[in-house]
Amino acid sequence: MSAQPSLPFPRSLWQNKPERMAWVVLLSAFSVFVILAVSIPWTANYLLHHATSPMVAQLKPTVGTILLYTAAGAEPIAVTNARDDVLQGSKLVTTGEATQGVLALASGTNSEQSIGAVHLYPGTDVTLLRLQQPRFQRSREPYDVRLRLTEGRIRVFTNSRDKRALVVRVELPNGYAVLSEGSYNFSVQEGRTELSVSLGEARLFHRSNAELVVGPGLRTWMDSEQPPTEAISAERNLILAGDFGSSLSENWEVYSEAPYVAAGSVELGEQDGRRVAHFVRLGEDGVHTEVGIRQEIDQDVNSYDSMVFRLDVRLLRQTLRGAGEKSSEFPLRVEIAYTDIYGKDLTWGHGFYYRDPPQEWSVSGGEKITPFTWYFYESPNLIELLRDTRPARINSVRLYASGWNYEAMISEVGLFVE
């Protein structure tokens, strides 16, 4: 006798109520059909719009050597030439005072395909945690980039050249930031995080769950205990006490050069309703002397687009005509000492005078102004002006008067970066 086929339900149910069981089977099959009919297109649609694939970044050292760690615990690779194979999970470390580079966020080696970039500055430790793009062109999802900045400075450009948007999240020691399309500067130094926005809008989140939206032209900062402060102007003055509202000795060093003759002096005072530094030398004429004030700045300026020097100056006395025979003795001059991106120490300066030089002398590096009246001076953008020897670090600033006998006043001194 052949075996009877097994049934999914007890035989008694089939025998006693076959119509009911037929409906059960029919409805169960229809339910499975509906589930499959809904879930398969939904899954396919989800994958079509949300499935991602990894991208490849380009690392381009511009100065010095960048260390590339391709995996946790791996030995670093010293990168001196462009590489087109940087994947998510890679860590980049810049060493040396002059080291710089660019991490181009791209899916190929053609620079035109770049969807954004991360500029790396000296002393930076940053990890590319995630670099993904939608797998299918029909997807409307953005490119997804996640960075972790442990230390140093980076500048992030998120202006995608593609029609697809680029969303960047930057993990920070004390929180994280989510960036829209734009240009952003980050600095992490000794537990303090600074963010300035040139273009776009950043949402900054502190680990305490405090949140701040930072718009263009603004900057803020936070640390482990302090949530993001109210955003203020991104313009920053690197010079302390440039309004001369406190004692010179607190922020400035006064010096004088006058061998064997009466030296000049620098005194603080008030003139025309403003605080001023007054440079004066009255003594034997026809002898070179110099007196000035100096301030150590020691600030990295790699991540700034603009650096402008401003001051108000008033010339009152000048016995040496022009700027001297060698165009080096102005009744008032500013000099900025800096280290360029190649590690070379250089200076930039600008002087002021009001007495015309003799015909056989020329004046360079300065300008003639009207005496006995306040003159506002604003330099060109020094980042652009000195682009061939671009400043990487501002070391010091000094303001001085030199020549024979002279008298000058200055107020509202500032070296503004943005």
Protein backbone atom coordinates (compact mmCIF):
# COMPACT_ATOMS: atom_id res chain seq x y z
CA MET A 1 0.00 0.00 0.00
CA SER A 2 1.42 3.36 -1.01
CA ALA A 3 2.01 5.99 1.68
CA GLN A 4 -0.52 8.81 1.92
CA PRO A 5 0.87 12.30 1.23
CA SER A 6 1.29 14.48 4.32
CA LEU A 7 -1.06 17.42 4.73
CA PRO A 8 -0.25 20.84 6.17
CA PHE A 9 -3.28 20.55 8.48
CA PRO A 10 -4.76 17.61 10.41
CA ARG A 11 -6.83 15.28 8.19
CA SER A 12 -9.88 15.84 10.35
CA LEU A 13 -9.94 19.54 9.44
CA TRP A 14 -9.78 18.78 5.73
CA GLN A 15 -12.49 16.14 6.04
CA ASN A 16 -14.90 17.98 8.35
CA LYS A 17 -14.58 21.57 6.97
CA PRO A 18 -12.89 21.50 3.57
CA GLU A 19 -14.37 24.84 2.47
CA ARG A 20 -12.94 26.67 5.49
CA MET A 21 -9.53 25.17 5.00
CA ALA A 22 -9.59 26.05 1.32
CA TRP A 23 -10.20 29.67 2.26
CA VAL A 24 -7.37 29.54 4.79
CA VAL A 25 -4.97 28.25 2.16
CA LEU A 26 -6.17 30.79 -0.39
CA LEU A 27 -5.87 33.73 2.00
CA SER A 28 -2.45 32.60 3.22
CA ALA A 29 -1.20 32.36 -0.32
CA PHE A 30 -2.64 35.79 -1.12
CA SER A 31 -0.99 37.28 1.97
CA VAL A 32 2.36 35.88 0.95
CA PHE A 33 1.79 37.26 -2.55
CA VAL A 34 0.93 40.73 -1.19
CA ILE A 35 3.96 40.73 1.09
CA LEU A 36 6.25 39.74 -1.75
CA ALA A 37 4.55 42.17 -4.14
CA VAL A 38 5.19 45.03 -1.70
CA SER A 39 8.53 44.06 -0.19
CA ILE A 40 10.39 43.20 -3.40
CA PRO A 41 9.72 46.57 -5.13
CA TRP A 42 10.23 48.41 -1.82
CA THR A 43 13.56 46.68 -1.26
CA ALA A 44 14.60 47.29 -4.85
CA ASN A 45 13.58 50.95 -4.59
CA TYR A 46 15.41 51.33 -1.27
CA LEU A 47 18.58 49.84 -2.70
CA LEU A 48 18.23 51.97 -5.82
CA HIS A 49 18.11 55.17 -3.77
CA HIS A 50 20.17 54.31 -0.68
CA ALA A 51 22.77 51.73 -1.66
CA THR A 52 26.28 53.19 -1.59
CA SER A 53 29.72 52.33 -2.87
CA PRO A 54 33.13 53.56 -1.70
CA MET A 55 34.99 56.36 -3.42
CA VAL A 56 38.68 57.03 -3.79
CA ALA A 57 40.46 60.21 -2.68
CA GLN A 58 43.60 61.85 -4.04
CA LEU A 59 46.37 62.95 -1.69
CA LYS A 60 48.56 65.73 -3.06
CA PRO A 61 51.44 66.91 -0.84
CA THR A 62 52.25 70.52 -1.68
CA VAL A 63 55.17 71.04 0.71
CA GLY A 64 57.06 68.40 2.69
CA THR A 65 56.09 64.81 3.44
CA ILE A 66 52.71 63.53 4.64
CA LEU A 67 52.43 60.26 6.57
CA LEU A 68 49.65 57.97 5.35
CA TYR A 69 48.33 55.20 7.61
CA THR A 70 46.19 52.86 5.51
CA ALA A 71 44.93 50.77 8.45
CA ALA A 72 45.04 50.75 12.24
CA GLY A 73 48.43 49.61 13.46
CA ALA A 74 49.99 49.72 9.99
CA GLU A 75 53.37 51.31 9.37
CA PRO A 76 53.04 54.80 7.88
CA ILE A 77 53.76 55.46 4.23
CA ALA A 78 55.79 58.62 3.56
CA VAL A 79 53.97 60.43 0.74
CA THR A 80 55.88 63.03 -1.25
CA ASN A 81 54.07 62.72 -4.60
CA ALA A 82 50.38 62.56 -5.49
CA ARG A 83 48.53 59.31 -4.73
CA ASP A 84 45.17 58.33 -6.23
CA ASP A 85 44.37 55.41 -3.92
CA VAL A 86 43.44 56.87 -0.55
CA LEU A 87 40.46 54.95 0.84
CA GLN A 88 38.13 55.47 3.77
CA GLY A 89 39.76 54.42 7.01
CA SER A 90 43.06 56.12 6.12
CA LYS A 91 44.75 58.47 8.56
CA LEU A 92 46.89 61.42 7.45
CA VAL A 93 49.51 63.12 9.59
CA THR A 94 51.48 66.21 8.58
CA THR A 95 54.82 66.66 10.32
CA GLY A 96 57.18 69.59 10.22
CA GLU A 97 56.45 73.29 10.31
CA ALA A 98 56.13 73.63 6.54
CA THR A 99 54.25 70.45 5.59
CA GLN A 100 51.01 70.97 3.68
CA GLY A 101 48.80 68.97 1.37
CA VAL A 102 45.38 68.59 -0.20
CA LEU A 103 43.05 65.62 0.06
CA ALA A 104 40.81 65.80 -3.01
CA LEU A 105 37.49 64.01 -2.56
CA ALA A 106 37.09 62.41 -5.94
CA SER A 107 35.91 59.18 -7.54
CA GLY A 108 38.70 59.19 -10.13
CA THR A 109 42.06 60.68 -10.97
CA ASN A 110 40.60 63.50 -13.05
CA SER A 111 40.65 66.66 -10.95
CA GLU A 112 37.47 67.81 -12.67
CA GLN A 113 35.66 65.01 -10.84
CA SER A 114 36.59 66.45 -7.46
CA ILE A 115 33.49 67.00 -5.31
CA GLY A 116 35.33 68.70 -2.48
CA ALA A 117 38.71 69.03 -0.81
CA VAL A 118 40.40 69.04 2.57
CA HIS A 119 43.47 71.24 2.93
CA LEU A 120 45.94 69.91 5.50
CA TYR A 121 48.23 72.24 7.42
CA PRO A 122 51.30 71.61 9.61
CA GLY A 123 50.83 69.53 12.76
CA THR A 124 47.54 67.94 11.67
CA ASP A 125 46.16 64.47 12.44
CA VAL A 126 43.00 63.68 10.48
CA THR A 127 41.26 60.40 9.58
CA LEU A 128 39.02 59.81 6.57
CA LEU A 129 36.35 57.73 8.31
CA ARG A 130 33.88 57.50 5.44
CA LEU A 131 33.85 58.34 1.74
CA GLN A 132 30.76 56.98 -0.02
CA GLN A 133 28.69 57.76 -3.07
CA PRO A 134 25.25 56.45 -4.16
CA ARG A 135 25.66 53.22 -6.11
CA PHE A 136 23.02 54.19 -8.67
CA GLN A 137 22.76 57.47 -10.57
CA ARG A 138 19.00 57.68 -10.02
CA SER A 139 19.53 58.14 -6.30
CA ARG A 140 19.02 61.65 -4.93
CA GLU A 141 21.14 61.00 -1.85
CA PRO A 142 24.24 63.19 -1.35
CA TYR A 143 27.86 62.16 -1.32
CA ASP A 144 28.69 61.14 2.25
CA VAL A 145 32.02 62.13 3.82
CA ARG A 146 33.05 61.75 7.44
CA LEU A 147 36.33 63.05 8.89
CA ARG A 148 37.88 62.90 12.34
CA LEU A 149 40.15 65.80 13.27
CA THR A 150 42.25 64.88 16.29
CA GLU A 151 44.73 67.75 16.21
CA GLY A 152 45.86 70.59 13.98
CA ARG A 153 44.17 72.63 11.26
CA ILE A 154 42.17 71.74 8.19
CA ARG A 155 40.12 73.68 5.70
CA VAL A 156 37.16 71.89 4.18
CA PHE A 157 35.67 72.85 0.82
CA THR A 158 32.29 71.25 0.13
CA ASN A 159 31.39 73.00 -3.10
CA SER A 160 30.55 69.92 -5.16
CA ARG A 161 31.15 70.35 -8.88
CA ASP A 162 28.59 67.61 -9.47
CA LYS A 163 24.82 68.10 -9.43
CA ARG A 164 24.70 65.85 -6.40
CA ALA A 165 25.15 67.54 -3.02
CA LEU A 166 28.03 66.78 -0.67
CA VAL A 167 27.42 66.41 3.07
CA VAL A 168 30.47 66.37 5.33
CA ARG A 169 30.54 65.47 9.00
CA VAL A 170 33.66 66.37 10.97
CA GLU A 171 34.20 64.48 14.23
CA LEU A 172 35.94 66.66 16.82
CA PRO A 173 37.38 65.94 20.28
CA ASN A 174 34.44 67.71 21.93
CA GLY A 175 31.61 67.02 19.48
CA TYR A 176 31.04 67.16 15.74
CA ALA A 177 30.01 69.48 12.93
CA VAL A 178 27.75 68.91 9.92
CA LEU A 179 28.60 71.06 6.91
CA SER A 180 26.50 72.18 3.98
CA GLU A 181 28.01 73.45 0.74
CA GLY A 182 30.66 76.03 1.51
CA SER A 183 34.14 76.64 2.95
CA TYR A 184 35.12 75.98 6.57
CA ASN A 185 38.20 76.26 8.80
CA PHE A 186 38.76 73.94 11.77
CA SER A 187 41.49 74.15 14.39
CA VAL A 188 42.05 71.77 17.31
CA GLN A 189 44.78 72.92 19.67
CA GLU A 190 45.26 71.80 23.30
CA GLY A 191 41.66 70.62 23.68
CA ARG A 192 40.11 73.77 22.20
CA THR A 193 38.19 73.55 18.94
CA GLU A 194 37.72 76.61 16.71
CA LEU A 195 35.44 76.83 13.69
CA SER A 196 35.16 79.70 11.23
CA VAL A 197 32.84 79.77 8.23
CA SER A 198 33.80 81.58 5.05
CA LEU A 199 30.83 80.34 3.01
CA GLY A 200 27.91 78.08 3.82
CA GLU A 201 26.43 77.02 7.13
CA ALA A 202 27.72 74.64 9.80
CA ARG A 203 25.76 72.93 12.55
CA LEU A 204 28.09 72.46 15.50
CA PHE A 205 27.18 69.94 18.20
CA HIS A 206 28.87 69.77 21.60
CA ARG A 207 29.08 66.49 23.48
CA SER A 208 26.73 68.00 26.06
CA ASN A 209 24.07 68.06 23.28
CA ALA A 210 24.33 71.84 22.94
CA GLU A 211 23.96 72.94 19.31
CA LEU A 212 24.90 76.08 17.42
CA VAL A 213 24.36 77.10 13.79
CA VAL A 214 27.30 79.11 12.42
CA GLY A 215 26.73 81.16 9.28
CA PRO A 216 29.11 82.76 6.77
CA GLY A 217 31.61 85.28 8.06
CA LEU A 218 31.32 84.00 11.64
CA ARG A 219 33.44 81.94 14.00
CA THR A 220 33.03 80.15 17.32
CA TRP A 221 34.93 77.84 19.65
CA MET A 222 34.36 75.18 22.31
CA ASP A 223 36.26 72.86 24.63
CA SER A 224 35.46 69.84 26.76
CA GLU A 225 33.44 71.86 29.29
CA GLN A 226 32.45 74.94 27.31
CA PRO A 227 29.76 74.45 24.64
CA PRO A 228 29.99 76.53 21.45
CA THR A 229 30.07 80.23 22.26
CA GLU A 230 27.85 82.69 20.45
CA ALA A 231 29.26 83.14 16.94
CA ILE A 232 31.17 86.35 16.33
CA SER A 233 32.88 87.90 13.32
CA ALA A 234 35.38 85.57 11.67
CA GLU A 235 37.86 88.44 11.44
CA ARG A 236 40.51 88.00 14.10
CA ASN A 237 43.20 90.41 15.30
CA LEU A 238 46.49 88.65 15.95
CA ILE A 239 47.95 91.69 17.74
CA LEU A 240 47.19 92.07 21.43
CA ALA A 241 46.58 95.49 22.96
CA GLY A 242 46.76 97.26 19.61
CA ASP A 243 44.50 99.94 21.07
CA PHE A 244 47.18 100.75 23.68
CA GLY A 245 44.63 100.62 26.44
CA SER A 246 47.04 98.90 28.85
CA SER A 247 50.68 99.24 29.85
CA LEU A 248 53.18 98.66 27.05
CA SER A 249 55.09 96.18 29.18
CA GLU A 250 52.11 93.79 29.31
CA ASN A 251 52.16 92.91 25.60
CA TRP A 252 54.93 94.92 23.94
CA GLU A 253 58.69 95.04 24.22
CA VAL A 254 60.25 98.49 23.90
CA TYR A 255 63.73 98.72 22.36
CA SER A 256 66.10 101.49 21.34
CA GLU A 257 69.21 101.77 19.17
CA ALA A 258 71.27 104.94 19.74
CA PRO A 259 74.96 104.28 20.33
CA TYR A 260 76.70 107.10 22.20
CA VAL A 261 73.88 109.64 21.64
CA ALA A 262 70.55 110.52 23.20
CA ALA A 263 68.05 107.75 22.54
CA GLY A 264 64.44 108.05 21.51
CA SER A 265 61.49 106.89 23.58
CA VAL A 266 58.01 105.39 23.25
CA GLU A 267 55.30 106.53 25.64
CA LEU A 268 51.59 105.86 25.89
CA GLY A 269 49.21 108.81 25.96
CA GLU A 270 45.96 110.27 24.69
CA GLN A 271 45.50 112.42 21.62
CA ASP A 272 42.31 113.51 19.88
CA GLY A 273 40.19 111.26 22.09
CA ARG A 274 42.20 108.12 21.39
CA ARG A 275 44.91 106.09 23.11
CA VAL A 276 48.22 106.37 21.26
CA ALA A 277 51.80 105.18 21.31
CA HIS A 278 54.04 108.24 20.96
CA PHE A 279 57.49 107.80 19.33
CA VAL A 280 59.86 110.73 19.79
CA ARG A 281 63.55 111.54 19.58
CA LEU A 282 64.93 115.05 20.08
CA GLY A 283 68.71 115.26 20.27
CA GLU A 284 71.82 115.59 18.20
CA ASP A 285 70.90 115.75 14.52
CA GLY A 286 72.63 113.94 11.70
CA VAL A 287 73.06 110.71 13.71
CA HIS A 288 71.12 107.49 13.08
CA THR A 289 68.90 106.24 15.90
CA GLU A 290 65.94 103.93 16.16
CA VAL A 291 63.25 103.27 18.74
CA GLY A 292 60.35 100.89 18.54
CA ILE A 293 58.00 98.36 20.07
CA ARG A 294 57.88 94.66 19.27
CA GLN A 295 55.33 91.92 19.95
CA GLU A 296 55.76 88.17 19.54
CA ILE A 297 52.82 86.73 17.59
CA ASP A 298 53.76 83.09 16.92
CA GLN A 299 50.52 82.25 15.11
CA ASP A 300 49.86 79.77 12.30
CA VAL A 301 48.07 81.50 9.40
CA ASN A 302 47.97 78.64 6.90
CA SER A 303 44.21 78.29 6.97
CA TYR A 304 43.35 81.95 6.36
CA ASP A 305 42.45 83.54 3.04
CA SER A 306 43.00 87.12 4.08
CA MET A 307 45.54 88.95 6.25
CA VAL A 308 45.42 92.73 6.43
CA PHE A 309 47.45 95.15 8.55
CA ARG A 310 45.74 98.36 9.72
CA LEU A 311 46.76 101.33 11.79
CA ASP A 312 46.23 105.06 12.25
CA VAL A 313 49.45 107.10 12.02
CA ARG A 314 50.25 110.78 12.59
CA LEU A 315 53.67 112.22 11.69
CA LEU A 316 54.82 115.30 13.59
CA ARG A 317 58.58 115.64 13.00
CA GLN A 318 61.16 114.39 10.49
CA THR A 319 64.62 115.89 10.08
CA LEU A 320 66.05 113.21 7.78
CA ARG A 321 64.49 113.68 4.36
CA GLY A 322 62.62 110.87 2.61
CA ALA A 323 63.59 107.53 4.09
CA GLY A 324 67.31 108.06 4.16
CA GLU A 325 69.87 107.24 1.50
CA LYS A 326 69.04 103.51 1.57
CA SER A 327 65.27 103.91 1.97
CA SER A 328 65.46 102.29 5.40
CA GLU A 329 64.91 105.17 7.86
CA PHE A 330 61.27 106.16 8.14
CA PRO A 331 59.80 108.31 10.92
CA LEU A 332 57.36 105.43 11.31
CA ARG A 333 57.46 101.94 9.84
CA VAL A 334 55.79 98.58 10.47
CA GLU A 335 57.61 95.30 9.91
CA ILE A 336 56.08 91.82 10.06
CA ALA A 337 58.40 88.84 10.47
CA TYR A 338 57.02 85.59 9.13
CA THR A 339 57.96 82.07 8.06
CA ASP A 340 56.79 81.14 4.58
CA ILE A 341 55.38 77.77 3.44
CA TYR A 342 58.88 76.66 2.45
CA GLY A 343 60.23 77.24 5.96
CA LYS A 344 62.17 80.40 5.17
CA ASP A 345 62.13 83.37 7.55
CA LEU A 346 61.19 86.61 5.76
CA THR A 347 59.84 90.08 6.51
CA TRP A 348 57.31 92.45 4.99
CA GLY A 349 57.25 96.12 5.86
CA HIS A 350 55.73 99.48 5.02
CA GLY A 351 56.89 102.94 6.05
CA PHE A 352 55.55 106.51 6.19
CA TYR A 353 57.28 109.88 5.64
CA TYR A 354 56.30 113.43 4.71
CA ARG A 355 59.53 115.22 3.70
CA ASP A 356 60.53 114.65 0.08
CA PRO A 357 63.91 112.99 -0.42
CA PRO A 358 66.80 114.63 -2.27
CA GLN A 359 66.76 114.07 -6.00
CA GLU A 360 69.51 111.48 -5.81
CA TRP A 361 67.59 109.37 -3.26
CA SER A 362 64.58 107.18 -3.94
CA VAL A 363 61.99 105.79 -1.55
CA SER A 364 60.70 102.22 -1.75
CA GLY A 365 58.56 100.22 0.61
CA GLY A 366 56.71 103.24 1.92
CA GLU A 367 54.50 106.21 1.12
CA LYS A 368 54.36 109.95 1.61
CA ILE A 369 51.51 111.20 3.81
CA THR A 370 50.30 114.58 5.04
CA PRO A 371 51.94 115.59 8.35
CA PHE A 372 50.13 116.68 11.53
CA THR A 373 46.95 114.79 10.66
CA TRP A 374 45.76 111.25 11.25
CA TYR A 375 46.18 108.89 8.32
CA PHE A 376 44.42 105.52 8.15
CA TYR A 377 46.47 102.83 6.49
CA GLU A 378 45.21 99.43 5.37
CA SER A 379 47.58 97.05 3.61
CA PRO A 380 46.63 94.88 0.67
CA ASN A 381 45.72 91.28 1.42
CA LEU A 382 49.15 90.01 2.44
CA ILE A 383 48.24 86.40 1.69
CA GLU A 384 47.72 87.41 -1.94
CA LEU A 385 50.48 90.02 -2.07
CA LEU A 386 53.06 87.53 -0.78
CA ARG A 387 51.65 84.52 -2.64
CA ASP A 388 55.07 83.50 -4.02
CA THR A 389 56.37 83.25 -0.44
CA ARG A 390 53.02 82.70 1.25
CA PRO A 391 53.15 83.24 5.03
CA ALA A 392 52.63 80.08 7.05
CA ARG A 393 53.37 81.52 10.49
CA ILE A 394 53.52 85.08 11.78
CA ASN A 395 56.44 85.32 14.15
CA SER A 396 56.42 88.94 15.32
CA VAL A 397 55.37 92.50 14.56
CA ARG A 398 57.34 95.63 15.29
CA LEU A 399 56.60 99.32 14.82
CA TYR A 400 59.49 101.72 14.95
CA ALA A 401 60.77 105.19 14.13
CA SER A 402 64.25 105.73 12.79
CA GLY A 403 66.43 108.43 11.26
CA TRP A 404 67.81 111.52 12.99
CA ASN A 405 65.13 113.36 14.93
CA TYR A 406 61.51 112.29 14.57
CA GLU A 407 58.13 112.25 16.22
CA ALA A 408 55.12 110.08 15.35
CA MET A 409 51.95 108.71 16.91
CA ILE A 410 50.04 105.49 16.17
CA SER A 411 46.75 104.07 17.35
CA GLU A 412 44.34 101.21 16.54
CA VAL A 413 47.00 98.78 15.34
CA GLY A 414 45.81 95.41 14.08
CA LEU A 415 46.83 92.42 11.96
CA PHE A 416 43.49 90.96 10.94
CA VAL A 417 43.09 87.46 9.52
CA GLU A 418 40.00 85.84 8.10
